Amino acid sequence: MNTWAYSGADDNRDLRIDMIRGLVMLVLVTVHIEIFSFYNFFVWERIGVVTGAEGFVLLSGIVVGMVYKRSIAERGWKPTVWKLLDRAALLWRVNVAAIFLIALLNRIPHVNVREIMTFNDRTAGQVYSLFPAPGVPYHVWIVQALLLRIGPHQLQILGLYICLLALSPVSLFLMSAGRTSVLLALSWITYLVTWVSPSTPTGAQFEYGFPLLTWQLLYFHGQAIGFHRQSVWNFFTSSKGRPVLAMAGALFLAFLFWAQNVPNDVVPSFARISVIPPSFFNEIYGKYMLKNTLGPLRVLDDACVLIVAYTFLTLVWRPVNRAVGWFFIPLGQASLYVFIVHIAFVALVSDILPFGFPLDHPRFWLNTLGHTFAMASLWLMVRYKVLFRWIPR
């Protein structure tokens, strides 16, 4: 097994993190392009009750912790803080620009951007507009865009990330001062209070799906992992950490089994089991596993998936890297770019291939081709650095 193990990278990057981020991009693109294809058998909460959103936030925190700890050591505290705030401002400008661009495209005849201007609750049969109705005064429209209170739901998590980046100087200061336990305690207190009594302090649209005071838990814990990366690694490779590693593996398998019992008719019957009664599944899921409120069991599963995925890649890196690293690592290294650009493919593919399921739907393999086309196109755009000058990575 040692000949397969991960041996590090020359440029101080952790390619295992990049690989996992690339996989998260596959999940996000597949879910946001709402057509049923082969990929959906793996990304619709099939590997536990986790989604690409949690992976995006958690891994972003890890990378920020790693990169900005090094920046503090090399450049000092003040330049690092300004760099963080500048990046948050850049992403805010990109988000606002995307909102205005979509609105302009909607004015062009024969250009269909309905899929990214509305939210379709297919379970309830309701379609909600995410942009102001015709006749709303322009100054109101502009203010809503600047406050991120309108925009495509597929881009909502970017607003969350902007706010978390803006808060990062505080978290980095606490960790630099040796107060990581204070940061994590405050993070848990905020999460638990908000879980009991929901609150949306920004009023931004992203808070409907990703409440800031709830989802900060994943980000700041990820940031602590990245900041104390070597200490975390030493713990899991020590005699004290191995029982925790084994427990994470056991819980991962338990959550994996649980996910196969999902009583969702969208998932074909042959791709799920019914050992757990649907009423019990729905009760536990509704109380402790919801995505928007980030139920505690979902948080636990997120941790287990990260530990298992990272451990797996550590042990069998060489064969996995040879097989799929060429594809997923570039996507992971430019994950923010991929996330922003994928909005165009959501509109394009959804216009050509309307939503449809189940497996025997005549468009199933065409849908699979549609998802493959989107991911391959994004990979090629990363490979040839299309618009890298203007779109952050």
Protein backbone atom coordinates (compact mmCIF):
# COMPACT_ATOMS: atom_id res chain seq x y z
CA MET A 1 0.00 0.00 0.00
CA ASN A 2 2.91 2.40 0.58
CA THR A 3 3.62 2.49 -3.16
CA TRP A 4 0.06 3.83 -3.68
CA ALA A 5 0.16 6.44 -0.91
CA TYR A 6 0.08 10.20 -1.33
CA SER A 7 3.55 11.75 -1.24
CA GLY A 8 2.78 15.47 -1.46
CA ALA A 9 3.08 18.09 -4.18
CA ASP A 10 5.99 20.28 -5.20
CA ASP A 11 4.10 23.59 -4.90
CA ASN A 12 2.78 23.10 -1.35
CA ARG A 13 -0.73 22.38 -2.59
CA ASP A 14 -2.68 19.51 -1.08
CA LEU A 15 -3.84 17.72 -4.21
CA ARG A 16 -6.18 15.53 -2.16
CA ILE A 17 -8.19 18.63 -1.27
CA ASP A 18 -8.14 19.70 -4.91
CA MET A 19 -9.40 16.28 -5.97
CA ILE A 20 -12.29 16.38 -3.49
CA ARG A 21 -13.17 19.94 -4.57
CA GLY A 22 -13.31 18.74 -8.17
CA LEU A 23 -15.72 15.98 -7.16
CA VAL A 24 -17.83 18.57 -5.34
CA MET A 25 -18.03 20.59 -8.57
CA LEU A 26 -19.37 17.50 -10.36
CA VAL A 27 -22.06 17.16 -7.70
CA LEU A 28 -23.05 20.84 -7.87
CA VAL A 29 -23.24 20.96 -11.67
CA THR A 30 -25.27 17.75 -11.84
CA VAL A 31 -27.75 18.90 -9.19
CA HIS A 32 -28.15 22.41 -10.61
CA ILE A 33 -28.81 21.16 -14.13
CA GLU A 34 -32.12 19.59 -13.18
CA ILE A 35 -32.34 16.70 -15.59
CA PHE A 36 -32.24 13.07 -14.53
CA SER A 37 -29.18 11.19 -15.76
CA PHE A 38 -26.75 8.45 -14.78
CA TYR A 39 -24.87 10.87 -12.51
CA ASN A 40 -27.92 11.42 -10.31
CA PHE A 41 -27.61 7.90 -8.93
CA PHE A 42 -24.51 9.11 -7.09
CA VAL A 43 -25.14 12.80 -6.28
CA TRP A 44 -28.71 12.99 -4.93
CA GLU A 45 -27.68 12.35 -1.31
CA ARG A 46 -26.71 8.80 -2.18
CA ILE A 47 -23.34 8.76 -0.38
CA GLY A 48 -24.86 9.73 2.93
CA VAL A 49 -27.01 12.79 3.60
CA VAL A 50 -24.48 15.21 2.13
CA THR A 51 -24.55 17.55 -0.86
CA GLY A 52 -22.08 19.57 -2.85
CA ALA A 53 -23.03 22.73 -0.96
CA GLU A 54 -21.63 21.45 2.34
CA GLY A 55 -18.50 20.28 0.56
CA PHE A 56 -18.06 23.68 -1.09
CA VAL A 57 -18.32 25.59 2.20
CA LEU A 58 -16.26 23.15 4.29
CA LEU A 59 -13.44 22.85 1.75
CA SER A 60 -13.42 26.61 1.14
CA GLY A 61 -12.84 27.08 4.85
CA ILE A 62 -9.99 24.56 4.82
CA VAL A 63 -8.27 26.27 1.90
CA VAL A 64 -8.68 29.74 3.44
CA GLY A 65 -7.19 28.46 6.70
CA MET A 66 -4.19 26.97 4.90
CA VAL A 67 -3.52 29.83 2.49
CA TYR A 68 -4.01 32.76 4.83
CA LYS A 69 -2.04 31.25 7.68
CA ARG A 70 0.89 31.14 5.28
CA SER A 71 0.10 34.69 4.15
CA ILE A 72 0.16 35.98 7.74
CA ALA A 73 3.57 34.37 8.28
CA GLU A 74 5.04 35.68 5.00
CA ARG A 75 3.36 39.08 4.52
CA GLY A 76 2.11 40.06 7.96
CA TRP A 77 -1.29 40.59 9.49
CA LYS A 78 -2.41 43.87 7.88
CA PRO A 79 -1.73 42.93 4.21
CA THR A 80 -3.45 39.59 4.78
CA VAL A 81 -6.59 41.22 6.15
CA TRP A 82 -6.76 43.63 3.21
CA LYS A 83 -6.25 40.73 0.81
CA LEU A 84 -9.17 38.86 2.41
CA LEU A 85 -11.48 41.86 2.30
CA ASP A 86 -10.43 42.65 -1.25
CA ARG A 87 -11.32 39.13 -2.33
CA ALA A 88 -14.70 39.35 -0.61
CA ALA A 89 -15.35 42.65 -2.44
CA LEU A 90 -14.26 41.11 -5.75
CA LEU A 91 -16.67 38.19 -5.34
CA TRP A 92 -19.47 40.61 -4.41
CA ARG A 93 -18.84 42.54 -7.63
CA VAL A 94 -18.89 39.32 -9.64
CA ASN A 95 -22.15 38.26 -7.99
CA VAL A 96 -23.81 41.61 -8.70
CA ALA A 97 -22.49 41.62 -12.27
CA ALA A 98 -23.96 38.15 -12.82
CA ILE A 99 -27.37 39.36 -11.61
CA PHE A 100 -27.34 42.32 -14.01
CA LEU A 101 -26.05 40.20 -16.90
CA ILE A 102 -28.84 37.65 -16.47
CA ALA A 103 -31.42 40.44 -16.36
CA LEU A 104 -30.01 41.87 -19.60
CA LEU A 105 -29.99 38.47 -21.30
CA ASN A 106 -33.64 38.09 -20.36
CA ARG A 107 -34.41 41.16 -22.50
CA ILE A 108 -32.94 39.58 -25.63
CA PRO A 109 -35.52 37.79 -27.84
CA HIS A 110 -35.20 34.00 -28.07
CA VAL A 111 -32.73 33.83 -25.15
CA ASN A 112 -34.20 31.61 -22.43
CA VAL A 113 -32.83 32.18 -18.94
CA ARG A 114 -35.97 31.14 -17.10
CA GLU A 115 -34.22 28.28 -15.31
CA ILE A 116 -31.84 30.68 -13.57
CA MET A 117 -34.42 33.40 -12.92
CA THR A 118 -36.88 31.17 -11.09
CA PHE A 119 -36.92 28.46 -8.45
CA ASN A 120 -39.04 25.46 -9.34
CA ASP A 121 -40.29 23.55 -6.30
CA ARG A 122 -41.15 20.39 -8.21
CA THR A 123 -42.47 18.61 -5.12
CA ALA A 124 -45.02 21.32 -4.38
CA GLY A 125 -45.58 22.21 -8.02
CA GLN A 126 -44.75 25.88 -7.40
CA VAL A 127 -42.50 28.20 -9.40
CA TYR A 128 -41.06 31.25 -7.62
CA SER A 129 -39.55 34.25 -9.39
CA LEU A 130 -36.12 35.23 -8.07
CA PHE A 131 -36.03 38.58 -9.86
CA PRO A 132 -38.31 41.63 -9.45
CA ALA A 133 -41.61 41.60 -11.30
CA PRO A 134 -42.06 43.91 -14.31
CA GLY A 135 -42.89 47.43 -13.27
CA VAL A 136 -40.70 47.53 -10.17
CA PRO A 137 -38.83 50.89 -10.12
CA TYR A 138 -35.25 50.66 -11.32
CA HIS A 139 -33.78 52.14 -8.14
CA VAL A 140 -35.50 49.41 -6.08
CA TRP A 141 -34.25 46.79 -8.52
CA ILE A 142 -30.67 48.07 -8.24
CA VAL A 143 -30.71 48.21 -4.43
CA GLN A 144 -31.99 44.63 -4.25
CA ALA A 145 -29.19 43.49 -6.55
CA LEU A 146 -26.53 45.32 -4.53
CA LEU A 147 -27.82 43.72 -1.31
CA LEU A 148 -27.91 40.29 -3.02
CA ARG A 149 -31.64 39.99 -2.39
CA ILE A 150 -32.29 38.80 -5.94
CA GLY A 151 -30.43 36.51 -8.32
CA PRO A 152 -30.22 32.87 -9.47
CA HIS A 153 -30.61 30.32 -6.70
CA GLN A 154 -27.79 28.28 -8.25
CA LEU A 155 -25.43 31.13 -7.30
CA GLN A 156 -26.79 31.78 -3.81
CA ILE A 157 -24.00 30.07 -1.95
CA LEU A 158 -21.57 32.61 -3.38
CA GLY A 159 -23.30 35.27 -1.26
CA LEU A 160 -22.76 33.12 1.80
CA TYR A 161 -19.08 32.73 0.94
CA ILE A 162 -18.68 36.50 0.53
CA CYS A 163 -20.03 37.11 4.03
CA LEU A 164 -17.88 34.34 5.51
CA LEU A 165 -14.76 35.77 3.87
CA ALA A 166 -15.60 39.19 5.31
CA LEU A 167 -15.78 37.60 8.78
CA SER A 168 -12.54 35.65 8.33
CA PRO A 169 -10.18 38.31 9.74
CA VAL A 170 -11.84 37.77 13.14
CA SER A 171 -11.48 33.99 13.00
CA LEU A 172 -7.89 34.15 11.75
CA PHE A 173 -7.02 36.61 14.52
CA LEU A 174 -8.43 34.26 17.18
CA MET A 175 -6.55 31.28 15.79
CA SER A 176 -3.32 33.25 15.41
CA ALA A 177 -3.68 34.28 19.05
CA GLY A 178 -4.05 30.64 20.13
CA ARG A 179 -7.80 30.99 20.73
CA THR A 180 -9.08 28.37 18.30
CA SER A 181 -11.18 26.79 21.06
CA VAL A 182 -12.89 30.15 21.62
CA LEU A 183 -13.66 30.42 17.89
CA LEU A 184 -15.14 26.91 17.73
CA ALA A 185 -17.13 27.42 20.93
CA LEU A 186 -18.63 30.66 19.57
CA SER A 187 -19.36 28.91 16.29
CA TRP A 188 -21.26 26.09 18.03
CA ILE A 189 -23.18 28.46 20.29
CA THR A 190 -24.27 30.52 17.28
CA TYR A 191 -25.25 27.39 15.36
CA LEU A 192 -27.29 25.89 18.22
CA VAL A 193 -29.09 29.14 19.03
CA THR A 194 -29.94 29.65 15.35
CA TRP A 195 -31.04 26.03 14.96
CA VAL A 196 -33.54 26.52 17.79
CA SER A 197 -34.50 30.08 16.79
CA PRO A 198 -33.71 30.77 13.11
CA SER A 199 -32.38 34.19 12.20
CA THR A 200 -31.36 35.83 8.90
CA PRO A 201 -29.36 38.96 9.77
CA THR A 202 -28.34 39.98 6.23
CA GLY A 203 -31.76 39.66 4.60
CA ALA A 204 -29.95 38.43 1.47
CA GLN A 205 -31.52 35.82 -0.76
CA PHE A 206 -28.90 33.20 0.06
CA GLU A 207 -30.18 33.02 3.65
CA TYR A 208 -33.27 31.13 2.48
CA GLY A 209 -31.11 28.17 1.51
CA PHE A 210 -27.91 28.81 3.45
CA PRO A 211 -28.54 30.80 6.65
CA LEU A 212 -25.31 32.60 7.54
CA LEU A 213 -25.45 31.96 11.29
CA THR A 214 -26.03 28.24 10.66
CA TRP A 215 -23.66 27.51 7.79
CA GLN A 216 -20.78 29.36 9.43
CA LEU A 217 -20.30 26.19 11.48
CA LEU A 218 -18.91 24.25 8.52
CA TYR A 219 -16.79 27.11 7.26
CA PHE A 220 -15.07 28.02 10.52
CA HIS A 221 -14.45 24.38 11.44
CA GLY A 222 -12.98 23.88 7.99
CA GLN A 223 -10.86 26.97 8.51
CA ALA A 224 -9.59 25.60 11.82
CA ILE A 225 -8.69 22.31 10.10
CA GLY A 226 -6.73 24.16 7.42
CA PHE A 227 -5.03 26.50 9.89
CA HIS A 228 -3.97 23.62 12.16
CA ARG A 229 -3.51 21.15 9.33
CA GLN A 230 -0.34 19.53 10.64
CA SER A 231 -1.73 19.12 14.15
CA VAL A 232 -4.91 17.54 12.79
CA TRP A 233 -2.84 15.17 10.66
CA ASN A 234 -0.63 14.23 13.60
CA PHE A 235 -3.70 13.46 15.71
CA PHE A 236 -5.32 11.13 13.18
CA THR A 237 -2.07 9.26 12.57
CA SER A 238 -1.43 8.80 16.29
CA SER A 239 -2.71 6.06 18.58
CA LYS A 240 -5.27 8.50 20.02
CA GLY A 241 -6.66 9.40 16.60
CA ARG A 242 -7.03 5.92 15.16
CA PRO A 243 -10.15 5.05 17.20
CA VAL A 244 -11.72 8.31 15.98
CA LEU A 245 -10.78 7.38 12.42
CA ALA A 246 -12.34 3.94 12.86
CA MET A 247 -15.50 5.47 14.33
CA ALA A 248 -15.75 7.90 11.42
CA GLY A 249 -15.50 4.96 9.02
CA ALA A 250 -18.23 3.05 10.84
CA LEU A 251 -20.53 6.08 10.93
CA PHE A 252 -19.85 6.70 7.23
CA LEU A 253 -21.11 3.19 6.44
CA ALA A 254 -24.15 3.70 8.68
CA PHE A 255 -25.06 6.96 6.93
CA LEU A 256 -24.45 5.30 3.57
CA PHE A 257 -26.93 2.56 4.48
CA TRP A 258 -29.41 5.15 5.73
CA ALA A 259 -29.23 7.10 2.46
CA GLN A 260 -30.13 4.02 0.42
CA ASN A 261 -33.47 3.88 2.24
CA VAL A 262 -34.65 7.29 1.00
CA PRO A 263 -38.42 7.08 0.28
CA ASN A 264 -38.16 9.46 -2.68
CA ASP A 265 -40.02 8.42 -5.81
CA VAL A 266 -37.60 10.42 -7.95
CA VAL A 267 -34.99 7.77 -7.16
CA PRO A 268 -35.92 4.59 -9.12
CA SER A 269 -37.04 1.71 -6.90
CA PHE A 270 -34.17 -0.55 -7.97
CA ALA A 271 -31.66 2.07 -6.73
CA ARG A 272 -32.97 2.14 -3.14
CA ILE A 273 -34.00 -0.24 -0.38
CA SER A 274 -36.86 -0.14 2.13
CA VAL A 275 -35.43 -1.65 5.31
CA ILE A 276 -36.08 1.57 7.26
CA PRO A 277 -39.81 2.49 7.37
CA PRO A 278 -40.50 5.65 5.32
CA SER A 279 -42.34 7.34 8.21
CA PHE A 280 -39.35 6.87 10.54
CA PHE A 281 -36.91 7.98 7.82
CA ASN A 282 -38.88 11.16 7.14
CA GLU A 283 -39.25 11.94 10.86
CA ILE A 284 -35.54 11.68 11.61
CA TYR A 285 -34.56 13.42 8.38
CA GLY A 286 -36.96 16.30 9.03
CA LYS A 287 -35.72 16.83 12.58
CA TYR A 288 -31.98 16.27 12.29
CA MET A 289 -30.89 16.08 8.66
CA LEU A 290 -32.42 18.99 6.76
CA LYS A 291 -30.07 20.82 4.45
CA ASN A 292 -31.07 24.46 4.90
CA THR A 293 -31.03 24.30 8.70
CA LEU A 294 -27.98 22.02 8.60
CA GLY A 295 -29.29 19.40 11.00
CA PRO A 296 -26.75 18.01 13.49
CA LEU A 297 -26.76 14.52 11.98
CA ARG A 298 -26.01 16.06 8.59
CA VAL A 299 -23.06 17.91 10.15
CA LEU A 300 -21.81 14.64 11.61
CA ASP A 301 -22.13 12.94 8.22
CA ASP A 302 -20.26 15.80 6.53
CA ALA A 303 -17.37 15.26 8.94
CA CYS A 304 -17.35 11.50 8.35
CA VAL A 305 -17.39 11.85 4.56
CA LEU A 306 -14.48 14.31 4.66
CA ILE A 307 -12.41 12.05 6.94
CA VAL A 308 -13.11 8.91 4.89
CA ALA A 309 -12.51 10.60 1.53
CA TYR A 310 -9.26 12.19 2.68
CA THR A 311 -8.03 8.95 4.24
CA PHE A 312 -8.94 6.95 1.13
CA LEU A 313 -7.08 9.34 -1.15
CA THR A 314 -4.09 9.31 1.19
CA LEU A 315 -3.83 5.53 1.01
CA VAL A 316 -4.58 4.92 -2.69
CA TRP A 317 -3.58 8.23 -4.23
CA ARG A 318 -1.41 7.04 -7.10
CA PRO A 319 -3.94 4.78 -8.90
CA VAL A 320 -6.81 7.21 -8.29
CA ASN A 321 -4.74 10.15 -9.50
CA ARG A 322 -3.71 8.31 -12.65
CA ALA A 323 -7.32 7.37 -13.38
CA VAL A 324 -9.21 10.62 -12.72
CA GLY A 325 -6.78 13.21 -11.34
CA TRP A 326 -6.25 14.77 -14.78
CA PHE A 327 -9.96 15.70 -14.78
CA PHE A 328 -10.91 16.50 -11.19
CA ILE A 329 -7.76 18.25 -9.93
CA PRO A 330 -7.91 21.15 -12.45
CA LEU A 331 -11.61 21.61 -11.67
CA GLY A 332 -10.85 21.62 -7.95
CA GLN A 333 -8.01 24.11 -8.29
CA ALA A 334 -10.33 26.48 -10.17
CA SER A 335 -13.47 25.55 -8.26
CA LEU A 336 -14.69 29.13 -7.76
CA TYR A 337 -14.32 29.81 -11.49
CA VAL A 338 -16.18 26.58 -12.31
CA PHE A 339 -18.95 27.45 -9.86
CA ILE A 340 -19.49 30.90 -11.40
CA VAL A 341 -19.32 29.77 -15.04
CA HIS A 342 -21.58 26.74 -14.56
CA ILE A 343 -24.59 29.10 -14.39
CA ALA A 344 -24.34 29.52 -18.18
CA PHE A 345 -24.51 25.74 -18.67
CA VAL A 346 -27.48 25.48 -16.30
CA ALA A 347 -29.40 27.84 -18.60
CA LEU A 348 -28.14 26.24 -21.81
CA VAL A 349 -28.60 22.55 -21.02
CA SER A 350 -31.90 23.07 -19.16
CA ASP A 351 -33.30 24.89 -22.21
CA ILE A 352 -32.34 22.05 -24.55
CA LEU A 353 -33.17 19.14 -22.22
CA PRO A 354 -36.19 19.84 -19.96
CA PHE A 355 -36.41 18.09 -16.60
CA GLY A 356 -37.47 14.47 -16.82
CA PHE A 357 -37.35 11.14 -14.98
CA PRO A 358 -37.39 8.19 -14.20
CA LEU A 359 -34.83 5.84 -15.77
CA ASP A 360 -37.10 4.67 -18.58
CA HIS A 361 -37.61 8.24 -19.71
CA PRO A 362 -36.57 8.39 -23.38
CA ARG A 363 -34.19 11.27 -22.64
CA PHE A 364 -32.24 9.43 -19.91
CA TRP A 365 -29.09 8.80 -21.92
CA LEU A 366 -29.46 12.13 -23.69
CA ASN A 367 -29.60 13.75 -20.25
CA THR A 368 -26.44 11.88 -19.29
CA LEU A 369 -24.82 13.28 -22.40
CA GLY A 370 -26.03 16.76 -21.38
CA HIS A 371 -24.40 16.52 -17.94
CA THR A 372 -21.23 15.11 -19.51
CA PHE A 373 -21.16 17.94 -22.05
CA ALA A 374 -21.42 20.55 -19.28
CA MET A 375 -18.61 19.03 -17.18
CA ALA A 376 -16.36 18.44 -20.20
CA SER A 377 -16.90 22.02 -21.38
CA LEU A 378 -16.05 23.40 -17.95
CA TRP A 379 -12.90 21.29 -17.87
CA LEU A 380 -11.84 22.58 -21.29
CA MET A 381 -12.51 26.18 -20.19
CA VAL A 382 -10.24 25.62 -17.20
CA ARG A 383 -7.65 23.87 -19.36
CA TYR A 384 -7.43 26.79 -21.78
CA LYS A 385 -8.02 29.49 -19.12
CA VAL A 386 -11.05 30.98 -20.81
CA LEU A 387 -11.91 34.36 -19.19
CA PHE A 388 -9.42 33.71 -16.38
CA ARG A 389 -8.51 37.39 -16.54
CA TRP A 390 -11.98 38.49 -15.43
CA ILE A 391 -13.46 35.58 -13.45
CA PRO A 392 -11.89 34.78 -10.03
CA ARG A 393 -10.60 31.29 -9.39
